[in-house]
Amino acid sequence: MVQQIKDLLADAEPSLADVEETLTQGYAEALALEAERLRIERRLGEVARSATGDHTAELRSLGSRLRVADGEIVRLRTILGTLNDRARALRAAEAG
């Protein structure tokens, strides 16, 4: 998704329809990533509440997955913001 957005941003004259469709897909992906992040947090809490020495590896794994998810969400939301700015500019150009 990030590469698709980068490609659209690099296009000198993308269509508003393509930009809006990509925004829709990108926001859907961001929501899915955020849902996955919540599942990881929930599991992390469950394991932490009942943690024994046997859970160390799972806690580390969950912590790592949480960091990765956070990074992906930030990266996607940031580039979606840029694409959203592009969409506003295209809408203004069409209206003007």
Foldseek 3Di string as FASTA:
>chain_A
DLVLLVVQVPDPDDDLVSLVVVLVVLVVVLVVLVVVLVVLVVVLVVCVVVPDPVCPVVNVVSVVSNVVSVVVNVSSVVSSVVSVVVSVVNVVVVVD
